[in-house]
Amino acid sequence: MPRRGQYSGGRGSGRGMGRGWGAYSQQDTNLFGQETHSASNVAQRLHELRSERELSIRALADMSSLSINTLSLIENGKTSPSVGTLQQLADAMRIPITAFFETSIEKKRVIFCKAEQRSKVSIEETDLEDLSSGISKSSIQPLVVTLKPAASSGANAIVHTGHEFVYCLEGKVLYTIENQSYVLEPGDSLLFEANQMHRWENLNKTPSKIILVLAPTGQHDPAAERHFGLY
């Protein structure tokens, strides 16, 4: 879901989904009592990502403008990094910020994932379920997105490469694309070229749920981060 104007290639501000990534470290369950990522998960992923790139803590500290002590505390699970800190690390290693929330499992060409085994993250106004966990990064990212009542992407529009597909499972979600409004109710879908300015809003007084499929054409276009306000 588009979440505010903070996105790759242009920093912005707004309100909605992306503001609460830091919340993952303060809770063990999401809105529905499902397991979410903890500070220890992020600590492990940071160590893995740094090691894969053969970077010492000192080297990463220099690249990210963070102190060695801060990085050590994060990797040892002694402190929970803020969204800003994670973004600095992501920028330094040239990876999307969502890499810190991925489960480290064997990469496969075919992924079968039971519902209870999905990677899940709860943020301030949204619960995310990654339907592509474990497959090597490709040009498609399917997500189950649950929007809290009145959640919205904010005033600023989102633009990214490729296409975007939305399928409404529950509730009522408003998508606005280039000033044209589309109200999605259960069973409705929307497919569009994502280089058009777009935003969204949950019109329900109860949570709405959609399947969101992002298919950017740019290899380094972090469409999910743009949607959830992480850039």
Protein backbone atom coordinates (compact mmCIF):
# COMPACT_ATOMS: atom_id res chain seq x y z
CA MET A 1 0.00 0.00 0.00
CA PRO A 2 1.26 3.35 -0.75
CA ARG A 3 2.37 4.95 2.32
CA ARG A 4 3.24 8.54 2.21
CA GLY A 5 5.82 10.27 0.11
CA GLN A 6 8.84 8.75 1.78
CA TYR A 7 10.21 6.63 -0.96
CA SER A 8 13.33 5.72 -2.81
CA GLY A 9 14.78 8.39 -4.97
CA GLY A 10 13.10 11.18 -3.03
CA ARG A 11 12.70 11.53 0.70
CA GLY A 12 9.44 12.85 1.95
CA SER A 13 7.06 12.74 4.85
CA GLY A 14 3.52 11.71 5.55
CA ARG A 15 1.41 9.53 7.69
CA GLY A 16 0.14 5.99 7.48
CA MET A 17 1.70 2.61 7.16
CA GLY A 18 5.41 3.12 7.18
CA ARG A 19 5.74 5.19 10.31
CA GLY A 20 5.77 2.27 12.69
CA TRP A 21 8.49 -0.14 11.61
CA GLY A 22 10.24 0.50 14.89
CA ALA A 23 7.28 -1.14 16.60
CA TYR A 24 8.45 -4.61 15.57
CA SER A 25 11.05 -4.57 18.34
CA GLN A 26 8.61 -3.71 21.10
CA GLN A 27 6.16 -6.54 20.58
CA ASP A 28 6.10 -10.27 19.98
CA THR A 29 2.71 -10.47 18.30
CA ASN A 30 0.80 -8.40 15.82
CA LEU A 31 -2.81 -7.23 15.72
CA PHE A 32 -4.06 -10.79 15.39
CA GLY A 33 -1.71 -12.38 17.91
CA GLN A 34 0.63 -13.67 15.20
CA GLU A 35 4.34 -13.93 15.75
CA THR A 36 6.38 -10.99 14.45
CA HIS A 37 10.06 -10.15 14.08
CA SER A 38 11.99 -9.21 17.20
CA ALA A 39 15.18 -7.26 17.83
CA SER A 40 17.13 -10.55 17.87
CA ASN A 41 15.89 -11.36 14.33
CA VAL A 42 17.17 -8.01 13.08
CA ALA A 43 20.45 -8.50 14.94
CA GLN A 44 20.97 -11.85 13.23
CA ARG A 45 20.05 -10.49 9.82
CA LEU A 46 22.42 -7.55 10.20
CA HIS A 47 25.27 -9.92 11.05
CA GLU A 48 24.40 -12.15 8.07
CA LEU A 49 24.13 -9.27 5.62
CA ARG A 50 27.39 -7.75 6.84
CA SER A 51 29.19 -11.10 6.67
CA GLU A 52 27.89 -11.83 3.16
CA ARG A 53 29.56 -8.62 2.03
CA GLU A 54 32.75 -9.38 3.96
CA LEU A 55 32.44 -6.12 5.86
CA SER A 56 33.96 -5.61 9.27
CA ILE A 57 31.96 -3.69 11.85
CA ARG A 58 34.44 -0.84 11.48
CA ALA A 59 34.00 -0.77 7.70
CA LEU A 60 30.22 -0.75 7.98
CA ALA A 61 30.42 1.96 10.63
CA ASP A 62 32.42 4.14 8.25
CA MET A 63 30.03 3.46 5.36
CA SER A 64 26.88 4.16 7.37
CA SER A 65 28.20 7.01 9.56
CA LEU A 66 27.16 5.01 12.63
CA SER A 67 29.46 4.29 15.55
CA ILE A 68 31.13 0.93 16.05
CA ASN A 69 29.55 0.75 19.49
CA THR A 70 26.06 1.26 18.04
CA LEU A 71 26.56 -1.50 15.48
CA SER A 72 27.91 -3.87 18.13
CA LEU A 73 24.91 -3.24 20.36
CA ILE A 74 22.51 -3.90 17.48
CA GLU A 75 24.24 -7.11 16.37
CA ASN A 76 24.30 -8.38 19.95
CA GLY A 77 20.61 -7.66 20.36
CA LYS A 78 21.29 -5.16 23.13
CA THR A 79 19.41 -2.31 21.45
CA SER A 80 16.58 -1.97 18.95
CA PRO A 81 17.54 0.13 15.92
CA SER A 82 15.23 2.91 14.81
CA VAL A 83 13.84 3.11 11.28
CA GLY A 84 16.36 5.84 10.53
CA THR A 85 19.27 3.67 11.69
CA LEU A 86 18.09 0.72 9.61
CA GLN A 87 17.76 3.00 6.61
CA GLN A 88 21.33 4.22 7.07
CA LEU A 89 22.52 0.62 7.13
CA ALA A 90 20.38 -0.31 4.13
CA ASP A 91 21.73 2.64 2.15
CA ALA A 92 25.29 1.76 3.09
CA MET A 93 24.91 -1.86 1.93
CA ARG A 94 22.69 -0.92 -1.02
CA ILE A 95 19.85 -3.20 -0.01
CA PRO A 96 16.14 -2.59 0.62
CA ILE A 97 15.30 -2.06 4.28
CA THR A 98 13.02 -5.11 4.18
CA ALA A 99 16.15 -7.29 3.95
CA PHE A 100 16.46 -6.91 7.73
CA PHE A 101 13.12 -8.63 8.22
CA GLU A 102 13.66 -11.58 5.90
CA THR A 103 14.03 -15.05 7.31
CA SER A 104 17.39 -16.59 6.51
CA ILE A 105 16.45 -19.80 4.74
CA GLU A 106 17.69 -21.74 1.74
CA LYS A 107 16.83 -20.04 -1.53
CA LYS A 108 14.58 -22.23 -3.70
CA ARG A 109 12.99 -22.05 -7.12
CA VAL A 110 9.63 -23.15 -5.73
CA ILE A 111 8.26 -22.03 -2.37
CA PHE A 112 5.39 -23.68 -0.54
CA CYS A 113 4.61 -21.88 2.69
CA LYS A 114 1.98 -22.81 5.24
CA ALA A 115 -0.04 -19.88 6.56
CA GLU A 116 1.49 -20.12 10.03
CA GLN A 117 5.03 -20.08 8.60
CA ARG A 118 4.86 -16.76 6.75
CA SER A 119 7.10 -13.89 7.69
CA LYS A 120 4.93 -11.30 9.43
CA VAL A 121 5.60 -7.75 10.50
CA SER A 122 3.27 -5.43 12.41
CA ILE A 123 3.67 -1.69 12.05
CA GLU A 124 1.66 1.21 13.33
CA GLU A 125 -1.37 0.99 11.04
CA THR A 126 -0.65 -2.18 9.11
CA ASP A 127 0.10 -5.89 9.37
CA LEU A 128 2.18 -7.36 6.54
CA GLU A 129 2.55 -10.99 5.52
CA ASP A 130 5.26 -11.77 2.97
CA LEU A 131 4.08 -14.42 0.49
CA SER A 132 7.50 -14.66 -1.19
CA SER A 133 9.67 -15.48 1.83
CA GLY A 134 12.57 -17.71 0.89
CA ILE A 135 12.63 -17.17 -2.85
CA SER A 136 15.57 -15.27 -4.28
CA LYS A 137 14.81 -11.64 -4.93
CA SER A 138 12.96 -11.31 -8.18
CA SER A 139 10.78 -8.80 -9.97
CA ILE A 140 7.65 -9.63 -7.98
CA GLN A 141 6.67 -9.26 -4.33
CA PRO A 142 3.27 -10.54 -3.17
CA LEU A 143 1.98 -9.42 0.24
CA VAL A 144 -1.11 -9.85 2.36
CA VAL A 145 -1.77 -6.42 3.86
CA THR A 146 -4.19 -5.74 6.72
CA LEU A 147 -5.06 -2.08 7.17
CA LYS A 148 -6.31 -0.73 10.46
CA PRO A 149 -9.42 1.47 10.47
CA ALA A 150 -8.90 4.80 8.69
CA ALA A 151 -5.30 3.90 7.75
CA SER A 152 -4.11 5.88 4.74
CA SER A 153 -1.03 6.61 2.69
CA GLY A 154 -1.07 10.31 3.46
CA ALA A 155 -1.15 13.32 1.20
CA ASN A 156 1.85 12.47 -0.96
CA ALA A 157 1.51 10.05 -3.85
CA ILE A 158 3.69 7.04 -4.60
CA VAL A 159 5.35 6.32 -7.92
CA HIS A 160 7.52 3.35 -8.86
CA THR A 161 8.37 1.24 -11.88
CA GLY A 162 6.48 -1.75 -13.20
CA HIS A 163 2.96 -2.78 -12.31
CA GLU A 164 0.86 -3.09 -9.20
CA PHE A 165 -1.99 -5.51 -8.53
CA VAL A 166 -4.49 -5.22 -5.68
CA TYR A 167 -7.17 -7.74 -4.71
CA CYS A 168 -9.59 -6.93 -1.90
CA LEU A 169 -10.23 -9.75 0.56
CA GLU A 170 -12.10 -7.90 3.30
CA GLY A 171 -13.45 -4.42 3.97
CA LYS A 172 -13.38 -1.41 1.65
CA VAL A 173 -10.23 0.26 0.30
CA LEU A 174 -10.03 3.41 -1.79
CA TYR A 175 -7.24 3.63 -4.37
CA THR A 176 -6.64 6.92 -6.14
CA ILE A 177 -4.62 6.79 -9.35
CA GLU A 178 -3.90 10.05 -11.16
CA ASN A 179 -6.99 11.68 -9.55
CA GLN A 180 -9.25 8.78 -10.56
CA SER A 181 -10.83 6.98 -7.59
CA TYR A 182 -11.48 3.23 -7.31
CA VAL A 183 -13.31 1.68 -4.35
CA LEU A 184 -12.36 -1.95 -3.82
CA GLU A 185 -14.69 -4.28 -1.93
CA PRO A 186 -14.30 -8.05 -1.42
CA GLY A 187 -13.63 -9.73 -4.75
CA ASP A 188 -12.68 -6.51 -6.56
CA SER A 189 -9.24 -6.11 -8.12
CA LEU A 190 -7.10 -3.39 -9.60
CA LEU A 191 -4.12 -3.64 -11.94
CA PHE A 192 -2.23 -0.58 -13.12
CA GLU A 193 1.06 0.81 -14.32
CA ALA A 194 2.79 1.94 -11.15
CA ASN A 195 4.55 4.93 -12.70
CA GLN A 196 1.25 6.76 -12.21
CA MET A 197 0.83 8.67 -8.96
CA HIS A 198 -1.24 6.60 -6.57
CA ARG A 199 -2.36 6.47 -2.96
CA TRP A 200 -4.80 4.48 -0.82
CA GLU A 201 -7.12 4.67 2.17
CA ASN A 202 -9.05 2.16 4.27
CA LEU A 203 -12.65 3.41 4.18
CA ASN A 204 -13.79 0.91 6.80
CA LYS A 205 -14.27 1.45 10.51
CA THR A 206 -12.84 -2.06 10.88
CA PRO A 207 -9.65 -3.57 9.39
CA SER A 208 -9.54 -4.15 5.65
CA LYS A 209 -7.39 -6.81 4.03
CA ILE A 210 -5.93 -6.95 0.53
CA ILE A 211 -3.48 -8.97 -1.50
CA LEU A 212 -0.89 -6.55 -2.89
CA VAL A 213 1.47 -7.69 -5.64
CA LEU A 214 4.33 -5.35 -6.55
CA ALA A 215 6.14 -6.01 -9.81
CA PRO A 216 8.78 -3.29 -10.35
CA THR A 217 10.81 -3.47 -13.53
CA GLY A 218 13.83 -1.77 -12.00
CA GLN A 219 16.20 -4.27 -10.40
CA HIS A 220 17.01 -1.86 -7.60
CA ASP A 221 13.57 -0.29 -7.30
CA PRO A 222 12.46 -1.00 -3.69
CA ALA A 223 8.73 -0.72 -4.43
CA ALA A 224 7.69 -2.15 -1.06
CA GLU A 225 9.73 0.45 0.79
CA ARG A 226 8.06 3.18 -1.20
CA HIS A 227 4.68 1.80 -0.30
CA PHE A 228 5.32 1.58 3.39
CA GLY A 229 7.12 4.87 3.83
CA LEU A 230 10.56 3.45 4.57
CA TYR A 231 12.41 5.80 2.22
